[in-house]
Amino acid sequence: MTWTTDEDGEDTRPGWDHKLWAIPLIIAMGLLSLLALSYLGSVLHPQRNLHDYPLTLVNNDRGEYGGEVAERVRGALPHDQVRLQVTDAAEADRLMSLGSVYGSIVIPEDFSARLTALAEPGPGPAAPPGIELQTNPRAGATAVTLTTQLLTPVLDGINRQLGTAATERARTGGVPLSDAALVTLAEPVRIEATQHAPLPEGTANGISAFYYTLLVVFAGFTSSTLINVGVDTVLANDQTLSRWRALLFKWALIAVVALVMAGCYQLIASALGMPIDHRLALFCFSTFASLAVGMTALANLAVVATVASALRLPVLNNLGTPINMLAFIALGLPSSGAIMPIQAVPRLYGALAEFEPMHQVYLGVRSILYFDALAAAGLTRALVMCTVGVVFAVVVGVLTTLGYERWQARQAPAEAQD
């Protein structure tokens, strides 16, 4: 390379042009810092960030103590963090089967009878009463942990309160209490932790849906970047293809990638032993979701490139990829609800989850893999939002590129006269 100087004798070597290194460095470091803030800020304090955490309480007890326990549970759970729904067993099962709640407390019908028998004289030791703590592994691995951490201290405290009351009733009733009986009455209720509809082998304890979601999103996001660079490079010296036609061509390539990768993903997943009960549904949804992500990402790149051309600021062309990474990855992962429930992250991410692509894709993939492809388990919302993404891409992408070309055509005669 030949180094040159300008008329004033100043060095004009490319290495000294701050635009070549300063802007990319600032963009890269700013984006990486935002990634750190977004990721760490969303996962470090789930207990502190809890809000509207959905749980159910089922009281099947035929006596008085079940109602007492239910009231104590409602009083012990923080109302600003937990949304507790008192319902019957059938409704609780339905909500758990849709992934709408993360856990349930079930008080059996013989709870009062068993608790009363502990404090009364009898021929032998009575069977202790039990309370079932159900978690929902299909709603996410972290949700199981959070539900257990949230409800276990509450039930343990209520257990000790019931034990104190039962001991007093026994002593008042003249029941002789041995040391073993006192130990039993100290915590008379057996808290049984169970899983509602446990996941089969090959699901990574509820994380497989998240990683499959990543694959689907990356199929659209990554291929859009590569296709955009490749097509633009080929067409750099070809002025015959208009911007909007080039965009249509890129979308066609994205569709091919989405179709092929949806099949490849299933083949790889099946070979590795991941259970897939609804193969056609997963293939069709994965294809559509990857297409929606890719079309939206390409539309964003086209808009940025068009704005850069209109303003005659080529440096803005480099902003398209960071913008897409911010929209689809940096803000998408913490608001996906896949690693951390939406109700356990700062409310900002809950607001982002209303439209962030990764959350919508996750709901669809999770519904197909874990909830029997039920529409009400998130699949309908995922399809609707993917459709919105495609429509957004078409409207914004085509109107921007086509409008720019028409504007440029009108400007050409005026520039020629000048």
Protein backbone atom coordinates (compact mmCIF):
# COMPACT_ATOMS: atom_id res chain seq x y z
CA MET A 1 0.00 0.00 0.00
CA THR A 2 1.25 3.48 -0.82
CA TRP A 3 1.04 6.07 1.92
CA THR A 4 -0.01 9.53 0.80
CA THR A 5 -0.23 13.04 2.15
CA ASP A 6 -2.67 15.81 1.37
CA GLU A 7 -1.89 19.29 0.07
CA ASP A 8 -1.01 20.49 3.56
CA GLY A 9 1.41 17.64 4.06
CA GLU A 10 -0.79 15.81 6.61
CA ASP A 11 -0.79 12.05 6.67
CA THR A 12 -3.89 10.63 4.99
CA ARG A 13 -3.13 6.95 5.52
CA PRO A 14 -6.30 4.91 6.19
CA GLY A 15 -5.01 3.90 9.58
CA TRP A 16 -5.16 7.49 10.76
CA ASP A 17 -8.78 7.98 9.74
CA HIS A 18 -10.71 7.72 12.99
CA LYS A 19 -13.85 6.70 11.12
CA LEU A 20 -12.19 3.39 10.26
CA TRP A 21 -11.63 2.34 13.85
CA ALA A 22 -13.36 4.66 16.31
CA ILE A 23 -16.96 4.13 15.19
CA PRO A 24 -16.72 0.30 14.95
CA LEU A 25 -14.99 0.15 18.33
CA ILE A 26 -17.60 2.32 20.00
CA ILE A 27 -20.46 0.35 18.48
CA ALA A 28 -18.90 -3.00 19.42
CA MET A 29 -18.06 -2.06 23.00
CA GLY A 30 -21.39 -0.33 23.51
CA LEU A 31 -23.30 -3.38 22.27
CA LEU A 32 -21.24 -5.78 24.38
CA SER A 33 -21.77 -3.62 27.46
CA LEU A 34 -25.50 -3.59 26.78
CA LEU A 35 -25.42 -7.38 26.48
CA ALA A 36 -23.77 -7.65 29.90
CA LEU A 37 -26.23 -5.23 31.47
CA SER A 38 -29.22 -6.92 29.87
CA TYR A 39 -28.25 -10.51 30.64
CA LEU A 40 -26.91 -10.06 34.16
CA GLY A 41 -29.59 -7.56 35.12
CA SER A 42 -32.32 -10.02 34.18
CA VAL A 43 -31.11 -13.08 36.10
CA LEU A 44 -29.19 -12.03 39.21
CA HIS A 45 -32.12 -11.21 41.54
CA PRO A 46 -35.20 -13.28 40.63
CA GLN A 47 -36.66 -13.18 44.14
CA ARG A 48 -36.37 -9.39 44.26
CA ASN A 49 -37.91 -9.03 40.79
CA LEU A 50 -40.91 -11.31 41.39
CA HIS A 51 -44.23 -9.83 40.29
CA ASP A 52 -47.57 -11.43 39.41
CA TYR A 53 -46.01 -14.87 39.82
CA PRO A 54 -48.89 -17.25 38.98
CA LEU A 55 -49.75 -20.01 41.47
CA THR A 56 -52.92 -21.91 42.35
CA LEU A 57 -54.33 -23.18 45.64
CA VAL A 58 -56.70 -26.13 45.77
CA ASN A 59 -58.53 -26.86 49.02
CA ASN A 60 -60.25 -30.24 48.85
CA ASP A 61 -60.47 -30.63 52.63
CA ARG A 62 -63.84 -31.54 54.10
CA GLY A 63 -63.04 -30.08 57.52
CA GLU A 64 -62.11 -26.74 59.00
CA TYR A 65 -58.33 -26.95 58.98
CA GLY A 66 -58.01 -26.89 55.21
CA GLY A 67 -59.64 -23.47 55.10
CA GLU A 68 -57.35 -22.30 57.89
CA VAL A 69 -54.29 -23.44 55.98
CA ALA A 70 -55.57 -21.77 52.82
CA GLU A 71 -56.01 -18.47 54.63
CA ARG A 72 -52.55 -18.70 56.14
CA VAL A 73 -51.03 -19.39 52.74
CA ARG A 74 -52.78 -16.38 51.27
CA GLY A 75 -51.60 -14.22 54.13
CA ALA A 76 -48.02 -15.43 54.01
CA LEU A 77 -47.42 -14.95 50.30
CA PRO A 78 -46.49 -11.37 49.32
CA HIS A 79 -49.39 -9.95 47.32
CA ASP A 80 -47.11 -7.65 45.35
CA GLN A 81 -45.10 -10.62 44.11
CA VAL A 82 -47.51 -13.55 43.81
CA ARG A 83 -50.80 -13.90 41.96
CA LEU A 84 -52.48 -16.73 43.87
CA GLN A 85 -55.65 -18.18 42.37
CA VAL A 86 -57.86 -20.30 44.64
CA THR A 87 -59.63 -22.83 42.46
CA ASP A 88 -60.72 -26.44 42.17
CA ALA A 89 -58.57 -29.37 41.13
CA ALA A 90 -59.84 -29.51 37.53
CA GLU A 91 -59.12 -25.84 36.85
CA ALA A 92 -55.71 -26.04 38.49
CA ASP A 93 -54.83 -29.03 36.33
CA ARG A 94 -55.99 -27.18 33.21
CA LEU A 95 -53.87 -24.13 34.02
CA MET A 96 -50.83 -26.29 34.74
CA SER A 97 -51.38 -28.18 31.47
CA LEU A 98 -51.27 -24.90 29.55
CA GLY A 99 -48.19 -23.56 31.32
CA SER A 100 -50.25 -20.68 32.69
CA VAL A 101 -49.16 -21.28 36.29
CA TYR A 102 -45.87 -22.44 37.75
CA GLY A 103 -47.05 -24.33 40.80
CA SER A 104 -49.97 -25.39 42.94
CA ILE A 105 -50.69 -26.17 46.59
CA VAL A 106 -53.17 -29.01 47.03
CA ILE A 107 -54.84 -29.73 50.38
CA PRO A 108 -56.41 -33.23 50.33
CA GLU A 109 -59.96 -33.98 51.44
CA ASP A 110 -58.92 -35.90 54.58
CA PHE A 111 -56.53 -33.22 55.83
CA SER A 112 -58.62 -32.14 58.85
CA ALA A 113 -59.52 -35.70 59.80
CA ARG A 114 -55.87 -36.79 59.87
CA LEU A 115 -54.71 -33.67 61.71
CA THR A 116 -57.41 -34.11 64.33
CA ALA A 117 -56.54 -37.78 64.82
CA LEU A 118 -52.97 -36.89 65.69
CA ALA A 119 -54.09 -35.01 68.80
CA GLU A 120 -56.59 -37.62 69.99
CA PRO A 121 -56.01 -40.83 71.94
CA GLY A 122 -56.07 -43.95 69.80
CA PRO A 123 -54.85 -47.51 69.57
CA GLY A 124 -51.86 -46.61 67.40
CA PRO A 125 -50.11 -43.75 65.64
CA ALA A 126 -52.33 -41.96 63.16
CA ALA A 127 -51.23 -41.34 59.59
CA PRO A 128 -49.99 -37.77 59.29
CA PRO A 129 -51.89 -35.29 57.11
CA GLY A 130 -50.25 -34.18 53.89
CA ILE A 131 -50.10 -31.15 51.63
CA GLU A 132 -48.97 -31.53 48.04
CA LEU A 133 -46.66 -28.94 46.50
CA GLN A 134 -46.90 -29.35 42.75
CA THR A 135 -44.37 -27.76 40.42
CA ASN A 136 -44.65 -27.38 36.65
CA PRO A 137 -41.43 -28.54 34.95
CA ARG A 138 -42.89 -27.91 31.49
CA ALA A 139 -43.08 -24.19 32.28
CA GLY A 140 -39.30 -24.03 32.70
CA ALA A 141 -36.55 -25.44 34.89
CA THR A 142 -36.01 -22.19 36.77
CA ALA A 143 -39.74 -21.92 37.50
CA VAL A 144 -39.54 -25.22 39.40
CA THR A 145 -36.72 -23.89 41.57
CA LEU A 146 -38.40 -20.53 42.18
CA THR A 147 -41.73 -22.14 43.07
CA THR A 148 -40.07 -24.51 45.52
CA GLN A 149 -38.02 -21.73 47.10
CA LEU A 150 -41.10 -19.52 47.40
CA LEU A 151 -43.59 -22.04 48.80
CA THR A 152 -41.43 -24.32 50.96
CA PRO A 153 -40.70 -21.71 53.71
CA VAL A 154 -44.39 -20.71 53.75
CA LEU A 155 -45.61 -24.29 54.16
CA ASP A 156 -42.91 -25.07 56.73
CA GLY A 157 -43.98 -22.09 58.81
CA ILE A 158 -47.65 -23.10 58.63
CA ASN A 159 -46.64 -26.66 59.52
CA ARG A 160 -44.97 -25.50 62.72
CA GLN A 161 -47.97 -23.33 63.61
CA LEU A 162 -50.31 -26.29 63.15
CA GLY A 163 -47.95 -28.42 65.24
CA THR A 164 -48.03 -25.98 68.13
CA ALA A 165 -51.84 -25.88 68.02
CA ALA A 166 -52.11 -29.67 67.78
CA THR A 167 -49.77 -30.15 70.75
CA GLU A 168 -51.84 -27.76 72.87
CA ARG A 169 -55.06 -29.59 71.94
CA ALA A 170 -53.53 -32.93 72.87
CA ARG A 171 -52.36 -31.70 76.24
CA THR A 172 -55.71 -30.04 76.92
CA GLY A 173 -57.45 -33.30 76.04
CA GLY A 174 -55.27 -35.25 78.43
CA VAL A 175 -53.52 -37.25 75.71
CA PRO A 176 -50.20 -38.64 76.99
CA LEU A 177 -47.40 -37.46 74.73
CA SER A 178 -44.17 -39.38 74.43
CA ASP A 179 -40.98 -37.83 73.14
CA ALA A 180 -41.63 -39.43 69.74
CA ALA A 181 -45.16 -38.00 69.72
CA LEU A 182 -43.85 -34.54 70.54
CA VAL A 183 -41.40 -34.75 67.65
CA THR A 184 -44.23 -35.81 65.34
CA LEU A 185 -46.54 -33.05 66.52
CA ALA A 186 -43.83 -30.39 66.16
CA GLU A 187 -44.30 -30.60 62.38
CA PRO A 188 -47.37 -32.80 61.91
CA VAL A 189 -47.95 -32.19 58.18
CA ARG A 190 -46.05 -34.08 55.50
CA ILE A 191 -45.14 -31.69 52.68
CA GLU A 192 -44.91 -33.73 49.50
CA ALA A 193 -43.20 -32.12 46.51
CA THR A 194 -44.36 -33.54 43.18
CA GLN A 195 -44.09 -32.61 39.52
CA HIS A 196 -47.15 -32.06 37.40
CA ALA A 197 -46.74 -34.06 34.17
CA PRO A 198 -43.01 -34.78 34.49
CA LEU A 199 -40.98 -34.33 31.33
CA PRO A 200 -39.60 -37.38 29.52
CA GLU A 201 -35.93 -38.14 28.97
CA GLY A 202 -34.18 -36.05 26.36
CA THR A 203 -35.69 -32.70 27.29
CA ALA A 204 -32.83 -31.45 29.52
CA ASN A 205 -35.28 -30.88 32.40
CA GLY A 206 -37.23 -28.35 30.38
CA ILE A 207 -34.36 -26.51 28.69
CA SER A 208 -34.56 -28.22 25.29
CA ALA A 209 -37.37 -25.88 24.18
CA PHE A 210 -35.14 -22.88 24.87
CA TYR A 211 -32.21 -24.19 22.84
CA TYR A 212 -34.51 -25.20 20.01
CA THR A 213 -35.89 -21.67 20.07
CA LEU A 214 -32.37 -20.30 19.75
CA LEU A 215 -31.79 -22.48 16.70
CA VAL A 216 -35.00 -21.26 15.07
CA VAL A 217 -34.17 -17.59 15.74
CA PHE A 218 -30.57 -17.98 14.60
CA ALA A 219 -31.74 -19.61 11.38
CA GLY A 220 -33.47 -16.34 10.52
CA PHE A 221 -31.13 -13.85 12.19
CA THR A 222 -27.74 -15.24 11.14
CA SER A 223 -28.75 -16.19 7.61
CA SER A 224 -30.25 -12.75 7.06
CA THR A 225 -26.89 -11.13 7.82
CA LEU A 226 -24.95 -13.51 5.57
CA ILE A 227 -27.48 -13.31 2.73
CA ASN A 228 -27.57 -9.52 2.90
CA VAL A 229 -23.78 -9.23 2.64
CA GLY A 230 -23.53 -11.86 -0.08
CA VAL A 231 -26.27 -10.47 -2.31
CA ASP A 232 -25.12 -6.87 -1.89
CA THR A 233 -21.56 -7.87 -2.79
CA VAL A 234 -22.71 -9.60 -5.98
CA LEU A 235 -24.98 -6.71 -6.93
CA ALA A 236 -22.50 -3.97 -6.05
CA ASN A 237 -21.73 -3.27 -9.69
CA ASP A 238 -25.17 -4.19 -11.01
CA GLN A 239 -27.48 -1.20 -11.17
CA THR A 240 -30.25 -3.03 -13.04
CA LEU A 241 -31.83 -4.63 -9.97
CA SER A 242 -33.86 -2.20 -7.86
CA ARG A 243 -33.61 -2.09 -4.08
CA TRP A 244 -37.02 -3.56 -3.46
CA ARG A 245 -36.48 -6.35 -5.97
CA ALA A 246 -33.18 -7.14 -4.28
CA LEU A 247 -35.05 -7.30 -0.99
CA LEU A 248 -37.58 -9.73 -2.48
CA PHE A 249 -34.71 -11.90 -3.71
CA LYS A 250 -33.15 -11.94 -0.23
CA TRP A 251 -36.48 -12.92 1.30
CA ALA A 252 -36.73 -15.80 -1.17
CA LEU A 253 -33.31 -17.03 -0.04
CA ILE A 254 -34.39 -16.74 3.60
CA ALA A 255 -37.42 -18.90 2.83
CA VAL A 256 -35.14 -21.59 1.41
CA VAL A 257 -32.92 -21.48 4.50
CA ALA A 258 -35.94 -21.63 6.82
CA LEU A 259 -37.38 -24.69 5.06
CA VAL A 260 -34.11 -26.59 4.92
CA MET A 261 -33.02 -25.80 8.48
CA ALA A 262 -36.41 -26.69 9.97
CA GLY A 263 -35.90 -30.18 8.56
CA CYS A 264 -32.23 -30.37 9.54
CA TYR A 265 -32.97 -29.33 13.10
CA GLN A 266 -35.52 -32.11 13.50
CA LEU A 267 -33.18 -34.71 12.06
CA ILE A 268 -30.39 -33.65 14.40
CA ALA A 269 -32.69 -33.46 17.43
CA SER A 270 -34.15 -36.89 16.73
CA ALA A 271 -30.71 -38.40 16.22
CA LEU A 272 -29.68 -37.02 19.62
CA GLY A 273 -32.74 -38.53 21.32
CA MET A 274 -34.96 -35.48 21.81
CA PRO A 275 -38.63 -36.52 21.90
CA ILE A 276 -40.82 -34.81 19.28
CA ASP A 277 -44.46 -35.87 19.29
CA HIS A 278 -45.75 -33.33 16.76
CA ARG A 279 -43.17 -33.35 13.99
CA LEU A 280 -45.24 -31.68 11.28
CA ALA A 281 -46.37 -28.91 13.62
CA LEU A 282 -42.80 -28.27 14.75
CA PHE A 283 -41.52 -28.26 11.16
CA CYS A 284 -44.18 -25.83 9.94
CA PHE A 285 -43.86 -23.51 12.92
CA SER A 286 -40.04 -23.52 12.83
CA THR A 287 -40.10 -22.66 9.15
CA PHE A 288 -42.59 -19.84 9.63
CA ALA A 289 -40.84 -18.43 12.70
CA SER A 290 -37.39 -18.45 11.04
CA LEU A 291 -38.91 -16.81 7.97
CA ALA A 292 -40.54 -14.12 10.10
CA VAL A 293 -37.30 -13.38 11.94
CA GLY A 294 -35.24 -13.38 8.74
CA MET A 295 -37.66 -11.19 6.80
CA THR A 296 -37.86 -8.68 9.64
CA ALA A 297 -34.07 -8.60 10.03
CA LEU A 298 -33.58 -8.07 6.28
CA ALA A 299 -36.22 -5.34 6.26
CA ASN A 300 -34.36 -3.59 9.08
CA LEU A 301 -31.10 -3.82 7.14
CA ALA A 302 -32.80 -2.47 4.02
CA VAL A 303 -34.28 0.46 5.93
CA VAL A 304 -30.92 1.35 7.47
CA ALA A 305 -29.18 1.14 4.08
CA THR A 306 -31.88 3.27 2.48
CA VAL A 307 -31.64 5.92 5.17
CA ALA A 308 -27.85 5.93 4.82
CA SER A 309 -28.18 6.47 1.06
CA ALA A 310 -30.81 9.18 1.43
CA LEU A 311 -28.67 11.08 3.95
CA ARG A 312 -25.52 10.31 1.99
CA LEU A 313 -23.87 8.90 5.10
CA PRO A 314 -22.42 5.51 4.12
CA VAL A 315 -21.12 5.00 7.64
CA LEU A 316 -24.71 4.37 8.77
CA ASN A 317 -24.77 1.18 6.71
CA ASN A 318 -22.83 -0.48 9.52
CA LEU A 319 -25.63 0.12 12.03
CA GLY A 320 -28.03 -2.44 10.57
CA THR A 321 -26.41 -5.53 12.09
CA PRO A 322 -26.00 -4.03 15.60
CA ILE A 323 -29.63 -2.91 15.53
CA ASN A 324 -30.75 -6.42 14.62
CA MET A 325 -28.52 -7.94 17.28
CA LEU A 326 -29.99 -5.58 19.83
CA ALA A 327 -33.57 -6.40 18.82
CA PHE A 328 -33.28 -10.14 18.35
CA ILE A 329 -30.51 -11.18 20.78
CA ALA A 330 -29.53 -8.56 23.37
CA LEU A 331 -33.11 -7.79 24.40
CA GLY A 332 -34.61 -11.03 23.12
CA LEU A 333 -32.87 -13.53 25.38
CA PRO A 334 -33.68 -11.93 28.77
CA SER A 335 -37.28 -11.27 27.72
CA SER A 336 -37.83 -14.73 26.20
CA GLY A 337 -39.12 -16.26 29.45
CA ALA A 338 -37.13 -19.38 28.66
CA ILE A 339 -34.32 -19.21 31.22
CA MET A 340 -36.08 -17.02 33.77
CA PRO A 341 -39.86 -16.66 34.01
CA ILE A 342 -41.16 -13.31 32.80
CA GLN A 343 -42.59 -12.74 36.28
CA ALA A 344 -39.10 -13.06 37.82
CA VAL A 345 -37.27 -10.46 35.72
CA PRO A 346 -37.53 -6.64 35.85
CA ARG A 347 -40.84 -5.40 34.50
CA LEU A 348 -39.09 -3.80 31.52
CA TYR A 349 -38.48 -7.26 30.09
CA GLY A 350 -42.09 -8.19 30.65
CA ALA A 351 -43.07 -5.23 28.51
CA LEU A 352 -40.55 -6.25 25.85
CA ALA A 353 -41.91 -9.80 25.88
CA GLU A 354 -45.18 -8.50 24.47
CA PHE A 355 -43.52 -8.08 21.08
CA GLU A 356 -39.94 -9.40 21.26
CA PRO A 357 -39.58 -12.14 18.61
CA MET A 358 -37.70 -14.63 20.77
CA HIS A 359 -40.46 -14.79 23.38
CA GLN A 360 -43.08 -15.47 20.73
CA VAL A 361 -40.98 -18.20 19.14
CA TYR A 362 -40.33 -19.77 22.54
CA LEU A 363 -44.05 -19.91 23.33
CA GLY A 364 -44.69 -21.74 20.07
CA VAL A 365 -41.82 -24.19 20.42
CA ARG A 366 -42.65 -24.90 24.07
CA SER A 367 -46.30 -25.50 23.25
CA ILE A 368 -45.40 -28.02 20.55
CA LEU A 369 -42.69 -29.84 22.50
CA TYR A 370 -44.16 -29.82 26.03
CA PHE A 371 -47.88 -29.01 25.89
CA ASP A 372 -49.16 -31.30 23.14
CA ALA A 373 -49.21 -28.45 20.61
CA LEU A 374 -52.23 -26.90 22.34
CA ALA A 375 -53.24 -23.59 20.80
CA ALA A 376 -54.05 -22.07 24.19
CA ALA A 377 -50.60 -22.96 25.54
CA GLY A 378 -49.00 -20.17 23.52
CA LEU A 379 -49.08 -21.56 19.98
CA THR A 380 -51.87 -19.25 18.81
CA ARG A 381 -50.11 -16.17 20.13
CA ALA A 382 -46.84 -17.30 18.55
CA LEU A 383 -48.46 -17.74 15.13
CA VAL A 384 -50.24 -14.40 15.35
CA MET A 385 -47.07 -12.54 16.33
CA CYS A 386 -45.01 -14.24 13.62
CA THR A 387 -47.66 -13.16 11.12
CA VAL A 388 -47.40 -9.62 12.45
CA GLY A 389 -43.63 -9.81 11.95
CA VAL A 390 -44.00 -10.89 8.32
CA VAL A 391 -46.56 -8.16 7.61
CA PHE A 392 -44.33 -5.57 9.31
CA ALA A 393 -41.34 -6.67 7.23
CA VAL A 394 -43.28 -6.51 3.96
CA VAL A 395 -44.88 -3.15 4.65
CA VAL A 396 -41.81 -1.41 6.05
CA GLY A 397 -39.27 -3.05 3.75
CA VAL A 398 -41.10 -2.63 0.46
CA LEU A 399 -42.49 0.82 1.17
CA THR A 400 -39.12 2.14 2.31
CA THR A 401 -37.10 0.78 -0.61
CA LEU A 402 -39.74 1.45 -3.25
CA GLY A 403 -40.46 4.90 -1.88
CA TYR A 404 -36.76 5.76 -1.89
CA GLU A 405 -36.37 4.71 -5.51
CA ARG A 406 -39.32 6.83 -6.59
CA TRP A 407 -37.98 9.77 -4.62
CA GLN A 408 -34.57 9.27 -6.21
CA ALA A 409 -36.13 9.13 -9.69
CA ARG A 410 -37.82 12.48 -9.09
CA GLN A 411 -34.56 13.97 -7.81
CA ALA A 412 -32.51 12.84 -10.82
CA PRO A 413 -33.80 15.49 -13.33
CA ALA A 414 -33.23 18.30 -10.84
CA GLU A 415 -29.68 17.12 -10.13
CA ALA A 416 -29.01 16.81 -13.88
CA GLN A 417 -30.07 20.43 -14.44
CA ASP A 418 -27.77 21.59 -11.65
